[in-house]
Protein backbone atom coordinates (compact mmCIF):
# COMPACT_ATOMS: atom_id res chain seq x y z
CA MET A 1 89.13 73.50 78.62
CA ASN A 2 91.61 70.86 78.56
CA PRO A 3 95.58 71.95 78.46
CA PHE A 4 96.17 70.72 74.47
CA ASP A 5 92.80 72.80 73.49
CA PHE A 6 94.05 75.94 75.74
CA ILE A 7 97.42 75.41 73.83
CA THR A 8 96.11 74.98 70.40
CA GLN A 9 93.78 78.08 70.73
CA THR A 10 96.63 80.28 71.99
CA LEU A 11 98.47 79.47 69.07
CA ARG A 12 96.14 80.40 66.75
CA ILE A 13 95.36 83.80 68.43
CA ALA A 14 98.99 84.48 68.66
CA VAL A 15 99.14 84.15 64.67
CA PRO A 16 98.19 87.88 63.91
CA TYR A 17 100.53 89.04 67.09
CA LEU A 18 103.39 87.32 65.62
CA PHE A 19 103.10 88.62 62.28
CA ALA A 20 102.87 92.09 63.28
CA ALA A 21 105.62 92.00 65.90
CA SER A 22 107.92 90.35 63.41
CA GLY A 23 107.41 92.87 60.84
CA GLY A 24 107.42 95.73 63.71
CA LEU A 25 110.86 94.15 64.97
CA VAL A 26 112.22 94.43 61.45
CA ALA A 27 111.40 97.97 61.12
CA GLU A 28 112.60 99.13 64.58
CA ARG A 29 115.79 97.54 64.23
CA ALA A 30 116.27 99.58 61.16
CA GLY A 31 115.44 102.76 63.22
CA ILE A 32 112.06 103.28 61.99
CA VAL A 33 109.03 103.70 64.99
CA SER A 34 106.35 101.26 63.99
CA LEU A 35 103.65 102.75 65.59
CA THR A 36 101.70 102.00 62.10
CA LEU A 37 101.32 98.33 63.06
CA GLU A 38 97.53 98.78 63.67
CA GLY A 39 97.18 100.66 60.40
CA PHE A 40 99.05 97.95 58.38
CA MET A 41 97.10 95.09 59.95
CA LEU A 42 93.81 96.97 59.05
CA SER A 43 94.84 97.96 55.73
CA GLY A 44 95.88 94.43 55.01
CA ALA A 45 92.47 92.72 56.66
CA PHE A 46 90.48 95.05 54.43
CA THR A 47 92.57 94.61 51.19
CA ALA A 48 92.53 90.77 51.67
CA THR A 49 88.51 90.87 52.28
CA LEU A 50 88.54 92.65 48.98
CA GLY A 51 90.90 90.48 46.82
CA SER A 52 89.08 87.16 48.20
CA TYR A 53 85.48 88.92 47.64
CA TYR A 54 86.00 89.94 44.07
CA SER A 55 88.07 86.66 42.90
CA GLY A 56 86.40 84.18 45.48
CA SER A 57 89.93 83.02 46.16
CA PRO A 58 91.56 83.18 49.42
CA VAL A 59 94.89 83.03 47.88
CA ILE A 60 94.33 86.02 46.04
CA GLY A 61 93.23 87.54 49.33
CA VAL A 62 96.55 86.87 50.72
CA LEU A 63 98.20 88.44 48.05
CA ALA A 64 96.17 91.54 48.06
CA GLY A 65 96.40 91.70 51.91
CA ALA A 66 100.05 91.62 51.52
CA ALA A 67 100.06 94.15 48.83
CA GLY A 68 97.94 96.62 51.04
CA GLY A 69 100.30 96.36 53.92
CA LEU A 70 103.08 96.90 51.60
CA LEU A 71 101.48 99.96 50.10
CA PHE A 72 101.00 101.82 53.54
CA GLY A 73 104.56 100.63 54.89
CA LEU A 74 105.82 102.27 51.64
CA LEU A 75 103.78 105.22 52.46
CA HIS A 76 105.36 105.64 55.91
CA GLY A 77 108.67 104.94 54.44
CA ILE A 78 108.48 108.10 52.13
CA ALA A 79 107.04 110.19 54.89
CA THR A 80 109.76 109.36 57.38
CA VAL A 81 112.88 108.47 55.22
CA ARG A 82 112.18 110.82 52.28
CA PHE A 83 110.93 113.58 53.70
CA ARG A 84 111.89 113.04 57.22
CA ALA A 85 108.64 113.36 59.10
CA ASP A 86 108.38 112.51 62.71
CA GLN A 87 107.73 109.09 62.88
CA VAL A 88 105.23 108.99 65.85
CA VAL A 89 103.13 111.78 63.92
CA SER A 90 103.61 109.83 60.56
CA GLY A 91 102.33 106.45 62.46
CA ILE A 92 99.29 108.42 63.95
CA ALA A 93 98.61 109.55 60.53
CA VAL A 94 99.05 106.31 58.81
CA ASN A 95 96.60 104.74 61.62
CA LEU A 96 93.94 107.65 61.28
CA LEU A 97 94.01 107.18 57.63
CA VAL A 98 93.80 103.79 57.12
CA ILE A 99 90.82 103.63 59.54
CA GLY A 100 89.15 106.44 57.53
CA LEU A 101 89.44 104.94 54.32
CA THR A 102 88.25 101.39 55.36
CA GLN A 103 85.25 103.07 56.29
CA VAL A 104 84.56 105.19 53.25
CA ILE A 105 85.26 102.34 50.63
CA LEU A 106 83.25 99.80 52.91
CA MET A 107 80.25 102.51 52.15
CA LEU A 108 80.75 102.95 48.55
CA LEU A 109 81.43 99.32 47.89
CA PHE A 110 79.08 97.23 50.02
CA ASP A 111 76.80 100.19 51.23
CA SER A 112 77.64 99.43 54.97
CA SER A 113 79.97 101.25 57.57
CA SER A 114 80.46 97.99 59.68
CA ASN A 115 81.06 94.99 57.61
CA SER A 116 81.51 93.53 54.57
CA PRO A 117 79.75 90.57 53.04
CA ARG A 118 81.03 86.96 53.50
CA VAL A 119 84.26 86.19 51.51
CA GLU A 120 85.94 82.76 51.20
CA GLY A 121 88.63 81.65 53.42
CA PHE A 122 90.87 78.32 54.02
CA GLN A 123 89.69 75.41 55.20
CA ALA A 124 90.83 75.53 59.18
CA GLY A 125 90.29 71.82 59.79
CA LEU A 126 92.70 69.95 62.27
CA SER A 127 91.71 72.29 65.18
CA GLY A 128 92.30 75.34 62.95
CA PHE A 129 95.66 74.21 61.84
CA GLY A 130 94.41 73.46 58.31
CA ASP A 131 95.01 77.33 57.79
CA PRO A 132 98.30 77.97 56.06
CA LEU A 133 98.37 81.53 57.54
CA VAL A 134 98.72 79.88 61.10
CA TRP A 135 102.00 77.97 60.05
CA LEU A 136 103.29 81.25 58.29
CA GLY A 137 102.52 83.06 61.25
CA LEU A 138 104.32 80.62 63.61
CA ALA A 139 107.28 80.77 61.24
CA SER A 140 107.41 84.19 61.07
CA VAL A 141 109.53 84.73 64.11
CA PRO A 142 112.49 82.01 63.22
CA VAL A 143 112.32 83.61 60.02
CA VAL A 144 112.87 87.31 61.12
CA ALA A 145 115.63 85.63 63.52
CA PHE A 146 117.57 84.15 61.01
CA LEU A 147 117.04 87.12 58.47
CA LEU A 148 118.47 89.69 61.27
CA TYR A 149 121.13 87.45 62.83
CA ARG A 150 122.49 85.10 59.63
CA THR A 151 122.51 87.26 56.76
CA PRO A 152 124.33 90.42 55.46
CA PHE A 153 120.79 91.99 55.00
CA GLY A 154 120.17 91.90 58.70
CA LEU A 155 123.42 93.23 59.78
CA ARG A 156 122.68 95.89 57.39
CA VAL A 157 119.56 96.79 58.87
CA GLN A 158 121.17 96.48 62.47
CA ALA A 159 123.60 98.74 61.63
CA ALA A 160 120.97 101.27 60.13
CA GLY A 161 119.34 101.35 63.60
CA GLU A 162 122.45 101.27 66.02
CA HIS A 163 125.10 103.80 64.15
CA PRO A 164 123.42 104.87 60.67
CA GLU A 165 126.20 107.32 60.02
CA ALA A 166 129.23 104.51 60.78
CA ALA A 167 126.83 102.15 58.29
CA ALA A 168 126.91 105.03 55.73
CA SER A 169 130.58 105.61 56.17
CA VAL A 170 131.15 101.76 55.03
CA GLY A 171 129.25 102.14 51.99
CA ILE A 172 125.62 100.86 53.31
CA ASN A 173 122.67 102.88 51.77
CA VAL A 174 121.01 103.54 55.00
CA ARG A 175 117.82 105.01 53.34
CA PHE A 176 117.72 102.36 51.00
CA ILE A 177 117.85 99.59 53.95
CA ARG A 178 115.20 101.71 55.72
CA TYR A 179 112.87 101.40 53.03
CA VAL A 180 113.48 97.77 52.74
CA ALA A 181 112.71 97.32 56.26
CA VAL A 182 109.72 99.36 56.62
CA ALA A 183 108.20 97.41 53.34
CA ILE A 184 108.81 94.54 55.22
CA SER A 185 107.07 95.59 58.17
CA GLY A 186 104.15 96.31 56.09
CA VAL A 187 103.81 93.10 54.46
CA LEU A 188 104.06 91.11 57.70
CA ALA A 189 101.60 93.23 59.69
CA GLY A 190 99.31 93.05 56.64
CA LEU A 191 99.68 89.22 56.69
CA GLY A 192 98.35 89.29 60.34
CA GLY A 193 95.40 91.65 59.02
CA VAL A 194 94.60 89.02 56.41
CA TYR A 195 94.59 86.11 58.95
CA LEU A 196 91.93 88.14 60.82
CA ALA A 197 89.66 88.94 57.96
CA LEU A 198 89.95 85.15 56.60
CA ASP A 199 89.55 83.54 59.45
CA GLN A 200 86.08 85.56 60.30
CA HIS A 201 85.38 85.56 56.51
CA GLN A 202 85.00 89.33 56.44
CA PHE A 203 86.05 92.32 57.40
CA THR A 204 84.26 94.57 60.41
CA ASN A 205 84.85 98.03 60.90
CA ASN A 206 88.14 98.27 63.36
CA MET A 207 88.61 94.71 63.46
CA THR A 208 92.32 94.70 64.23
CA ALA A 209 90.72 95.98 68.19
CA GLY A 210 94.34 97.06 69.18
CA ARG A 211 96.22 94.24 68.15
CA GLY A 212 98.78 96.44 66.50
CA PHE A 213 99.39 98.41 69.64
CA ILE A 214 99.99 95.38 71.64
CA ALA A 215 102.33 93.85 69.16
CA ILE A 216 104.29 97.19 69.59
CA ALA A 217 104.53 96.14 73.31
CA ALA A 218 105.41 92.41 72.69
CA VAL A 219 108.62 93.93 70.65
CA ILE A 220 109.37 96.28 73.65
CA PHE A 221 108.58 93.55 75.99
CA GLY A 222 111.02 91.12 73.97
CA ARG A 223 113.84 93.98 74.02
CA TRP A 224 114.10 94.08 70.02
CA ASP A 225 114.98 90.45 69.79
CA PRO A 226 112.71 88.03 67.51
CA TRP A 227 112.78 84.97 70.13
CA ARG A 228 111.62 87.06 72.99
CA ALA A 229 108.90 89.10 71.22
CA GLY A 230 107.48 85.85 70.04
CA ALA A 231 107.36 84.75 73.75
CA ALA A 232 105.82 87.92 74.63
CA CYS A 233 103.02 87.34 71.78
CA LEU A 234 102.16 83.86 72.87
CA LEU A 235 102.19 85.36 76.65
CA PHE A 236 99.45 88.06 75.35
CA ALA A 237 97.85 85.43 73.53
CA ALA A 238 97.41 83.11 76.39
CA ALA A 239 96.10 86.07 78.44
CA GLU A 240 93.32 86.42 75.76
CA THR A 241 92.67 82.93 75.82
CA THR A 242 92.03 83.09 79.43
CA GLN A 243 89.98 86.11 78.89
CA ILE A 244 87.58 84.01 76.56
CA GLN A 245 87.61 81.25 78.96
CA LEU A 246 86.70 83.13 81.73
CA GLN A 247 83.66 85.09 79.74
CA GLY A 248 80.66 83.82 81.58
CA VAL A 249 81.87 82.88 84.67
CA ALA A 250 79.88 84.03 87.75
CA GLY A 251 81.42 86.20 89.92
CA ILE A 252 83.85 87.63 88.09
CA PRO A 253 82.80 91.38 86.22
CA SER A 254 83.00 91.01 82.27
CA GLN A 255 84.65 94.19 82.14
CA PHE A 256 87.79 92.85 84.02
CA ILE A 257 87.90 89.97 82.17
CA GLY A 258 88.07 92.15 78.90
CA MET A 259 90.81 94.12 80.10
CA ILE A 260 93.07 91.16 81.03
CA PRO A 261 95.13 91.38 77.77
CA TYR A 262 95.52 94.94 78.18
CA LEU A 263 96.20 95.05 81.54
CA LEU A 264 99.12 92.55 80.88
CA THR A 265 100.24 95.13 78.10
CA ILE A 266 100.41 98.02 80.51
CA VAL A 267 102.46 95.65 83.14
CA ALA A 268 104.90 94.81 80.45
CA LEU A 269 105.35 98.31 79.20
CA ALA A 270 105.88 99.71 82.98
CA GLY A 271 109.34 97.83 83.25
CA LEU A 272 108.40 94.97 85.50
CA VAL A 273 110.25 92.62 83.01
CA GLY A 274 113.70 94.81 83.14
CA ARG A 275 114.86 98.04 81.33
CA ALA A 276 114.72 97.52 77.67
CA VAL A 277 117.22 99.48 75.45
CA ALA A 278 115.81 100.32 72.13
CA PRO A 279 118.00 100.76 68.83
CA ALA A 280 120.07 103.71 69.52
CA ALA A 281 118.99 105.42 66.60
CA LEU A 282 115.27 104.40 66.62
CA GLY A 283 113.25 107.54 65.77
CA ARG A 284 116.23 109.43 64.15
CA ALA A 285 116.01 110.47 60.49
CA GLU A 286 119.37 109.67 58.55
CA ASP A 287 121.17 112.76 57.43
């Protein structure tokens, strides 16, 4: 593979990571733990498949996928903000709920527990860059950076995640900010799942395959900064591209090749890039 093909393939593979990490970053900067990214992505992939299948339009699929991510984002928000549930436990519950629901509905609608029928996707010519979701995914990082650092809402999000009591004392509705942040997280991560489903023209059981957890690692790897998290996503995508290219190479065990992206994730979380400091109120319910 020449360098140009390697770069373009890396950018396309990075799209779901960029969507999910951007969404997770907004929620975590507001103080909500984003262990739910895997579930958000899977719900987005599934509802996008349904929307595209029944309408015949990938645009409707995108809207349905965003709505699916939003729905479970709000569910996580209600559990953690309204009912002050443990955010890690709620995140695990949302992920398990989405996995179970997609399998059940898949069986009910398509009489299959493994995959859906083929659905319409976007024409991905131009080495895959004809898909508008690729450009949206690449744009998600600068958009989130602008939102967090250049807008009043972004400053309120940061205040909610760092000093919620101080934010509340100056009239900021911390609960509302957290609801909006986790809703944005659901929509963005859902779009990551939409890209996977429409790119593959079908939904397959558990098709996100841990990408949501790798996106969380990218957020931590990037020290909760959009640009660094985006760079981490590109690094993980480059590792996945390398894994794909090494498949079939004689002398290298396939099991070792398959674990390259996950090994890199573990190395990142082990702190070899320096100590990461999370938002001060991350995981703490607002009183």
